[in-house]
Amino acid sequence: MINNYKAIVLSCIDPRCQSKINNILKKKKLSGKYSLFSIAGSAVGVTSSKFKTWHNVFWQNLGISVKLHGIKKLIAINHYDCGAAKLVNKQKKFNKNIEHKIHQNAFKVLKKKLKKKYTKFKLETKIIIVKTLFLTVAINEII
């Protein structure tokens, strides 16, 4: 059997992200060629001390995907307006700049841990913008 798997994708469970992530992966011609690990906060969820109990589950799944699928790349897709980022925020305020720093720090920690365990692994990171559901829900309630 020829191994045609290319990556493992780390993504958030937020329903607003799913179609956008799928489109990104289709454009990269990765449909059917990746393992998927979805968890609240994506990289924030697997690096923040607030969610420490989740970390081993991610690394165990990554290890299994490496063994079973021979993958050598991790694609981590985070998103703005992230609930997990809001939960790990230690500032009194929360805005786009603070959230951006939280995501960038999560990617930095992820890269460091990844390179320690899998020295030849590639890491691709992305932060996507999602539409808020609040407006849609509010409009539907009015109608």
N, C-alpha and C. Protein backbone atom coordinates (compact mmCIF):
# COMPACT_ATOMS: atom_id res chain seq x y z
N MET A 1 0.84 -1.19 0.00
CA MET A 1 0.00 0.00 0.00
C MET A 1 0.88 1.25 0.00
N ILE A 2 0.62 2.16 -0.89
CA ILE A 2 1.37 3.40 -0.97
C ILE A 2 0.78 4.39 0.03
N ASN A 3 1.67 4.96 0.86
CA ASN A 3 1.23 5.94 1.85
C ASN A 3 1.07 7.30 1.17
N ASN A 4 -0.14 7.78 1.16
CA ASN A 4 -0.43 9.06 0.52
C ASN A 4 -0.84 10.13 1.53
N TYR A 5 -0.64 9.84 2.83
CA TYR A 5 -1.03 10.80 3.85
C TYR A 5 0.03 11.88 3.98
N LYS A 6 -0.41 13.11 4.15
CA LYS A 6 0.51 14.25 4.12
C LYS A 6 0.70 14.95 5.45
N ALA A 7 -0.33 14.97 6.30
CA ALA A 7 -0.25 15.80 7.51
C ALA A 7 -1.28 15.38 8.54
N ILE A 8 -1.12 15.95 9.73
CA ILE A 8 -2.17 15.92 10.72
C ILE A 8 -2.61 17.37 10.90
N VAL A 9 -3.89 17.58 10.96
CA VAL A 9 -4.45 18.92 11.11
C VAL A 9 -4.96 19.06 12.54
N LEU A 10 -4.51 20.11 13.20
CA LEU A 10 -4.98 20.46 14.54
C LEU A 10 -5.93 21.63 14.37
N SER A 11 -7.18 21.43 14.76
CA SER A 11 -8.18 22.49 14.58
C SER A 11 -9.05 22.63 15.81
N CYS A 12 -9.85 23.68 15.81
CA CYS A 12 -10.76 23.95 16.92
C CYS A 12 -12.11 23.28 16.66
N ILE A 13 -12.83 23.04 17.74
CA ILE A 13 -14.15 22.41 17.64
C ILE A 13 -15.25 23.40 17.25
N ASP A 14 -14.95 24.68 17.22
CA ASP A 14 -15.95 25.71 16.94
C ASP A 14 -16.61 25.45 15.58
N PRO A 15 -17.94 25.30 15.56
CA PRO A 15 -18.64 25.02 14.30
C PRO A 15 -18.44 26.09 13.23
N ARG A 16 -18.13 27.31 13.64
CA ARG A 16 -17.93 28.39 12.66
C ARG A 16 -16.69 28.16 11.81
N CYS A 17 -15.79 27.31 12.26
CA CYS A 17 -14.52 27.09 11.56
C CYS A 17 -14.58 25.99 10.51
N GLN A 18 -15.48 25.07 10.66
CA GLN A 18 -15.41 23.81 9.92
C GLN A 18 -15.38 23.96 8.40
N SER A 19 -16.30 24.72 7.84
CA SER A 19 -16.32 24.83 6.38
C SER A 19 -15.10 25.59 5.87
N LYS A 20 -14.65 26.58 6.63
CA LYS A 20 -13.48 27.34 6.21
C LYS A 20 -12.22 26.46 6.24
N ILE A 21 -12.08 25.66 7.28
CA ILE A 21 -10.94 24.75 7.36
C ILE A 21 -10.99 23.73 6.22
N ASN A 22 -12.15 23.19 5.96
CA ASN A 22 -12.32 22.24 4.86
C ASN A 22 -11.91 22.87 3.53
N ASN A 23 -12.31 24.11 3.30
CA ASN A 23 -11.94 24.81 2.06
C ASN A 23 -10.44 25.03 1.97
N ILE A 24 -9.82 25.40 3.07
CA ILE A 24 -8.36 25.59 3.10
C ILE A 24 -7.66 24.30 2.71
N LEU A 25 -8.10 23.19 3.29
CA LEU A 25 -7.46 21.91 3.02
C LEU A 25 -7.72 21.42 1.59
N LYS A 26 -8.90 21.72 1.06
CA LYS A 26 -9.18 21.38 -0.35
C LYS A 26 -8.25 22.14 -1.28
N LYS A 27 -8.06 23.44 -1.00
CA LYS A 27 -7.17 24.26 -1.83
C LYS A 27 -5.74 23.74 -1.79
N LYS A 28 -5.36 23.15 -0.68
CA LYS A 28 -4.02 22.58 -0.54
C LYS A 28 -3.95 21.16 -1.12
N LYS A 29 -5.07 20.70 -1.69
CA LYS A 29 -5.18 19.36 -2.27
C LYS A 29 -4.88 18.27 -1.23
N LEU A 30 -5.43 18.48 -0.03
CA LEU A 30 -5.21 17.53 1.06
C LEU A 30 -6.43 16.69 1.40
N SER A 31 -7.51 16.85 0.67
CA SER A 31 -8.72 16.06 0.95
C SER A 31 -8.39 14.57 0.96
N GLY A 32 -8.73 13.89 2.05
CA GLY A 32 -8.47 12.47 2.18
C GLY A 32 -7.02 12.12 2.45
N LYS A 33 -6.19 13.13 2.72
CA LYS A 33 -4.76 12.89 2.90
C LYS A 33 -4.23 13.39 4.24
N TYR A 34 -5.13 13.60 5.20
CA TYR A 34 -4.69 14.09 6.49
C TYR A 34 -5.47 13.43 7.63
N SER A 35 -4.81 13.36 8.78
CA SER A 35 -5.47 12.98 10.02
C SER A 35 -6.00 14.26 10.63
N LEU A 36 -7.06 14.16 11.42
CA LEU A 36 -7.64 15.36 12.02
C LEU A 36 -7.72 15.20 13.53
N PHE A 37 -7.24 16.20 14.24
CA PHE A 37 -7.39 16.26 15.69
C PHE A 37 -8.05 17.59 16.01
N SER A 38 -9.26 17.54 16.50
CA SER A 38 -10.03 18.75 16.78
C SER A 38 -10.27 18.86 18.28
N ILE A 39 -9.93 20.02 18.84
CA ILE A 39 -10.05 20.25 20.28
C ILE A 39 -10.31 21.74 20.51
N ALA A 40 -11.00 22.06 21.57
CA ALA A 40 -11.29 23.46 21.87
C ALA A 40 -9.99 24.26 21.93
N GLY A 41 -9.94 25.33 21.16
CA GLY A 41 -8.77 26.20 21.15
C GLY A 41 -7.67 25.80 20.19
N SER A 42 -7.76 24.65 19.58
CA SER A 42 -6.72 24.17 18.67
C SER A 42 -5.35 24.24 19.38
N ALA A 43 -4.41 25.01 18.87
CA ALA A 43 -3.07 25.09 19.47
C ALA A 43 -3.12 25.66 20.89
N VAL A 44 -4.06 26.55 21.16
CA VAL A 44 -4.22 27.09 22.51
C VAL A 44 -4.59 25.96 23.47
N GLY A 45 -5.46 25.08 23.03
CA GLY A 45 -5.92 23.97 23.86
C GLY A 45 -4.85 22.95 24.18
N VAL A 46 -3.88 22.79 23.29
CA VAL A 46 -2.85 21.77 23.52
C VAL A 46 -1.54 22.35 24.05
N THR A 47 -1.52 23.66 24.34
CA THR A 47 -0.30 24.28 24.87
C THR A 47 -0.52 25.05 26.17
N SER A 48 -1.70 25.55 26.41
CA SER A 48 -1.96 26.38 27.58
C SER A 48 -2.03 25.55 28.86
N SER A 49 -1.47 26.07 29.93
CA SER A 49 -1.52 25.37 31.22
C SER A 49 -2.95 25.25 31.74
N LYS A 50 -3.83 26.12 31.29
CA LYS A 50 -5.24 26.07 31.69
C LYS A 50 -5.88 24.73 31.26
N PHE A 51 -5.39 24.18 30.15
CA PHE A 51 -5.93 22.94 29.60
C PHE A 51 -4.90 21.81 29.65
N LYS A 52 -4.09 21.80 30.67
CA LYS A 52 -2.96 20.86 30.77
C LYS A 52 -3.37 19.39 30.61
N THR A 53 -4.54 19.04 31.14
CA THR A 53 -4.96 17.64 31.06
C THR A 53 -5.24 17.18 29.63
N TRP A 54 -5.37 18.11 28.71
CA TRP A 54 -5.63 17.76 27.31
C TRP A 54 -4.35 17.47 26.54
N HIS A 55 -3.23 17.97 26.99
CA HIS A 55 -1.99 17.94 26.21
C HIS A 55 -1.57 16.53 25.80
N ASN A 56 -1.54 15.60 26.74
CA ASN A 56 -1.09 14.24 26.43
C ASN A 56 -1.96 13.55 25.39
N VAL A 57 -3.25 13.83 25.43
CA VAL A 57 -4.16 13.21 24.44
C VAL A 57 -3.75 13.64 23.03
N PHE A 58 -3.43 14.91 22.86
CA PHE A 58 -2.99 15.39 21.54
C PHE A 58 -1.70 14.70 21.12
N TRP A 59 -0.69 14.68 22.00
CA TRP A 59 0.60 14.11 21.63
C TRP A 59 0.50 12.61 21.37
N GLN A 60 -0.36 11.93 22.09
CA GLN A 60 -0.58 10.50 21.84
C GLN A 60 -1.22 10.30 20.46
N ASN A 61 -2.18 11.12 20.12
CA ASN A 61 -2.82 11.01 18.80
C ASN A 61 -1.85 11.36 17.68
N LEU A 62 -1.03 12.36 17.89
CA LEU A 62 -0.02 12.71 16.90
C LEU A 62 0.93 11.53 16.70
N GLY A 63 1.36 10.92 17.79
CA GLY A 63 2.26 9.77 17.71
C GLY A 63 1.66 8.60 16.94
N ILE A 64 0.38 8.35 17.17
CA ILE A 64 -0.31 7.28 16.45
C ILE A 64 -0.39 7.60 14.96
N SER A 65 -0.68 8.85 14.64
CA SER A 65 -0.77 9.24 13.23
C SER A 65 0.58 9.12 12.54
N VAL A 66 1.64 9.44 13.26
CA VAL A 66 2.99 9.28 12.70
C VAL A 66 3.25 7.80 12.41
N LYS A 67 2.92 6.93 13.35
CA LYS A 67 3.16 5.49 13.18
C LYS A 67 2.29 4.88 12.09
N LEU A 68 1.00 5.20 12.11
CA LEU A 68 0.08 4.59 11.16
C LEU A 68 0.13 5.20 9.76
N HIS A 69 0.33 6.50 9.70
CA HIS A 69 0.21 7.20 8.42
C HIS A 69 1.52 7.77 7.89
N GLY A 70 2.56 7.71 8.69
CA GLY A 70 3.86 8.20 8.23
C GLY A 70 3.91 9.70 7.97
N ILE A 71 3.06 10.45 8.63
CA ILE A 71 3.01 11.90 8.39
C ILE A 71 4.25 12.59 8.94
N LYS A 72 4.58 13.74 8.34
CA LYS A 72 5.75 14.51 8.77
C LYS A 72 5.44 16.00 8.84
N LYS A 73 4.14 16.31 8.93
CA LYS A 73 3.75 17.72 8.94
C LYS A 73 2.53 17.91 9.84
N LEU A 74 2.57 18.98 10.61
CA LEU A 74 1.44 19.38 11.44
C LEU A 74 0.93 20.72 10.93
N ILE A 75 -0.35 20.78 10.64
CA ILE A 75 -0.99 22.03 10.25
C ILE A 75 -1.91 22.44 11.40
N ALA A 76 -1.56 23.53 12.07
CA ALA A 76 -2.36 24.02 13.20
C ALA A 76 -3.16 25.23 12.75
N ILE A 77 -4.48 25.10 12.83
CA ILE A 77 -5.36 26.18 12.39
C ILE A 77 -6.15 26.69 13.60
N ASN A 78 -5.81 27.89 14.02
CA ASN A 78 -6.54 28.58 15.09
C ASN A 78 -7.50 29.57 14.45
N HIS A 79 -8.31 30.24 15.27
CA HIS A 79 -9.22 31.26 14.73
C HIS A 79 -9.39 32.39 15.73
N TYR A 80 -9.71 33.55 15.18
CA TYR A 80 -10.02 34.71 16.03
C TYR A 80 -11.42 34.56 16.61
N ASP A 81 -11.71 35.30 17.65
CA ASP A 81 -12.95 35.20 18.42
C ASP A 81 -13.03 33.81 19.04
N CYS A 82 -11.90 33.38 19.59
CA CYS A 82 -11.75 32.04 20.15
C CYS A 82 -12.08 32.04 21.64
N GLY A 83 -13.02 31.21 22.03
CA GLY A 83 -13.41 31.11 23.43
C GLY A 83 -12.28 30.64 24.32
N ALA A 84 -11.47 29.71 23.85
CA ALA A 84 -10.35 29.21 24.65
C ALA A 84 -9.32 30.31 24.88
N ALA A 85 -9.08 31.13 23.87
CA ALA A 85 -8.14 32.25 24.02
C ALA A 85 -8.66 33.22 25.08
N LYS A 86 -9.96 33.44 25.09
CA LYS A 86 -10.55 34.32 26.11
C LYS A 86 -10.36 33.73 27.50
N LEU A 87 -10.47 32.42 27.63
CA LEU A 87 -10.32 31.77 28.93
C LEU A 87 -8.88 31.81 29.46
N VAL A 88 -7.90 31.76 28.58
CA VAL A 88 -6.50 31.78 29.04
C VAL A 88 -5.96 33.19 29.20
N ASN A 89 -6.69 34.18 28.73
CA ASN A 89 -6.26 35.58 28.83
C ASN A 89 -6.07 35.97 30.30
N LYS A 90 -4.91 36.53 30.60
CA LYS A 90 -4.63 36.95 31.98
C LYS A 90 -4.70 38.46 32.14
N GLN A 91 -5.05 39.16 31.08
CA GLN A 91 -5.18 40.61 31.13
C GLN A 91 -6.58 40.99 31.60
N LYS A 92 -6.73 42.22 32.07
CA LYS A 92 -8.06 42.70 32.47
C LYS A 92 -8.93 42.95 31.25
N LYS A 93 -8.29 43.25 30.14
CA LYS A 93 -9.04 43.49 28.90
C LYS A 93 -8.73 42.37 27.91
N PHE A 94 -9.54 42.30 26.89
CA PHE A 94 -9.33 41.32 25.82
C PHE A 94 -9.68 42.01 24.51
N ASN A 95 -8.72 42.03 23.59
CA ASN A 95 -8.95 42.63 22.28
C ASN A 95 -8.19 41.81 21.23
N LYS A 96 -8.26 42.27 19.98
CA LYS A 96 -7.64 41.51 18.88
C LYS A 96 -6.13 41.37 19.05
N ASN A 97 -5.48 42.42 19.53
CA ASN A 97 -4.02 42.35 19.71
C ASN A 97 -3.64 41.34 20.78
N ILE A 98 -4.36 41.36 21.89
CA ILE A 98 -4.09 40.39 22.96
C ILE A 98 -4.37 38.98 22.47
N GLU A 99 -5.49 38.81 21.78
CA GLU A 99 -5.81 37.48 21.26
C GLU A 99 -4.76 37.00 20.27
N HIS A 100 -4.30 37.89 19.40
CA HIS A 100 -3.27 37.53 18.42
C HIS A 100 -2.00 37.03 19.14
N LYS A 101 -1.62 37.72 20.21
CA LYS A 101 -0.44 37.31 20.98
C LYS A 101 -0.65 35.93 21.62
N ILE A 102 -1.85 35.67 22.08
CA ILE A 102 -2.16 34.36 22.67
C ILE A 102 -1.99 33.26 21.63
N HIS A 103 -2.51 33.49 20.42
CA HIS A 103 -2.38 32.50 19.35
C HIS A 103 -0.91 32.32 18.95
N GLN A 104 -0.19 33.43 18.79
CA GLN A 104 1.22 33.35 18.40
C GLN A 104 2.04 32.61 19.45
N ASN A 105 1.75 32.87 20.72
CA ASN A 105 2.46 32.17 21.79
C ASN A 105 2.15 30.67 21.75
N ALA A 106 0.90 30.33 21.50
CA ALA A 106 0.52 28.91 21.40
C ALA A 106 1.29 28.24 20.27
N PHE A 107 1.41 28.91 19.13
CA PHE A 107 2.16 28.35 18.00
C PHE A 107 3.65 28.19 18.36
N LYS A 108 4.19 29.16 19.08
CA LYS A 108 5.60 29.12 19.48
C LYS A 108 5.86 27.92 20.41
N VAL A 109 5.00 27.74 21.39
CA VAL A 109 5.13 26.61 22.32
C VAL A 109 4.95 25.29 21.57
N LEU A 110 3.97 25.24 20.68
CA LEU A 110 3.71 24.03 19.89
C LEU A 110 4.94 23.67 19.05
N LYS A 111 5.52 24.66 18.40
CA LYS A 111 6.71 24.42 17.57
C LYS A 111 7.86 23.87 18.41
N LYS A 112 8.07 24.46 19.57
CA LYS A 112 9.16 24.02 20.45
C LYS A 112 8.96 22.56 20.87
N LYS A 113 7.75 22.22 21.28
CA LYS A 113 7.47 20.84 21.71
C LYS A 113 7.54 19.87 20.54
N LEU A 114 7.05 20.30 19.39
CA LEU A 114 7.07 19.45 18.19
C LEU A 114 8.50 19.14 17.78
N LYS A 115 9.35 20.16 17.74
CA LYS A 115 10.74 19.97 17.32
C LYS A 115 11.52 19.10 18.31
N LYS A 116 11.09 19.13 19.57
CA LYS A 116 11.74 18.30 20.59
C LYS A 116 11.41 16.82 20.38
N LYS A 117 10.17 16.53 20.00
CA LYS A 117 9.73 15.14 19.82
C LYS A 117 9.98 14.63 18.40
N TYR A 118 9.81 15.50 17.42
CA TYR A 118 9.92 15.11 16.01
C TYR A 118 10.78 16.15 15.29
N THR A 119 12.07 15.94 15.29
CA THR A 119 13.02 16.95 14.82
C THR A 119 12.85 17.32 13.35
N LYS A 120 12.36 16.41 12.53
CA LYS A 120 12.24 16.69 11.10
C LYS A 120 10.83 17.10 10.68
N PHE A 121 9.95 17.24 11.64
CA PHE A 121 8.57 17.62 11.35
C PHE A 121 8.48 19.05 10.86
N LYS A 122 7.54 19.29 9.95
CA LYS A 122 7.24 20.65 9.51
C LYS A 122 5.99 21.12 10.25
N LEU A 123 5.94 22.40 10.57
CA LEU A 123 4.78 22.99 11.21
C LEU A 123 4.28 24.15 10.37
N GLU A 124 3.01 24.09 10.03
CA GLU A 124 2.36 25.18 9.32
C GLU A 124 1.27 25.72 10.24
N THR A 125 1.24 27.04 10.42
CA THR A 125 0.24 27.64 11.31
C THR A 125 -0.60 28.66 10.56
N LYS A 126 -1.83 28.79 11.02
CA LYS A 126 -2.75 29.73 10.38
C LYS A 126 -3.78 30.16 11.42
N ILE A 127 -4.14 31.44 11.37
CA ILE A 127 -5.24 31.95 12.19
C ILE A 127 -6.30 32.45 11.22
N ILE A 128 -7.49 31.90 11.33
CA ILE A 128 -8.56 32.29 10.40
C ILE A 128 -9.56 33.21 11.11
N ILE A 129 -10.27 33.94 10.31
CA ILE A 129 -11.33 34.82 10.80
C ILE A 129 -12.65 34.10 10.58
N VAL A 130 -13.47 34.06 11.61
CA VAL A 130 -14.78 33.43 11.49
C VAL A 130 -15.87 34.47 11.73
N LYS A 131 -17.00 34.22 11.13
CA LYS A 131 -18.14 35.10 11.34
C LYS A 131 -18.79 34.74 12.66
N THR A 132 -19.20 35.75 13.38
CA THR A 132 -19.86 35.49 14.65
C THR A 132 -21.28 35.01 14.40
N LEU A 133 -21.73 34.09 15.22
CA LEU A 133 -23.08 33.54 15.08
C LEU A 133 -24.13 34.41 15.76
N PHE A 134 -23.69 35.31 16.64
CA PHE A 134 -24.64 36.10 17.42
C PHE A 134 -25.59 36.89 16.53
N LEU A 135 -25.06 37.55 15.53
CA LEU A 135 -25.90 38.36 14.65
C LEU A 135 -26.92 37.49 13.93
N THR A 136 -26.49 36.34 13.44
CA THR A 136 -27.40 35.43 12.75
C THR A 136 -28.52 34.96 13.68
N VAL A 137 -28.17 34.59 14.88
CA VAL A 137 -29.17 34.13 15.85
C VAL A 137 -30.14 35.26 16.18
N ALA A 138 -29.61 36.46 16.39
CA ALA A 138 -30.46 37.60 16.73
C ALA A 138 -31.44 37.91 15.60
N ILE A 139 -30.98 37.85 14.37
CA ILE A 139 -31.85 38.11 13.22
C ILE A 139 -32.93 37.04 13.12
N ASN A 140 -32.56 35.79 13.30
CA ASN A 140 -33.53 34.70 13.23
C ASN A 140 -34.59 34.81 14.33
N GLU A 141 -34.20 35.30 15.49
CA GLU A 141 -35.17 35.45 16.58
C GLU A 141 -36.16 36.57 16.30
N ILE A 142 -35.73 37.58 15.57
CA ILE A 142 -36.61 38.71 15.24
C ILE A 142 -37.63 38.31 14.18
N ILE A 143 -37.22 37.50 13.24
CA ILE A 143 -38.07 37.12 12.10
C ILE A 143 -39.21 36.25 12.50
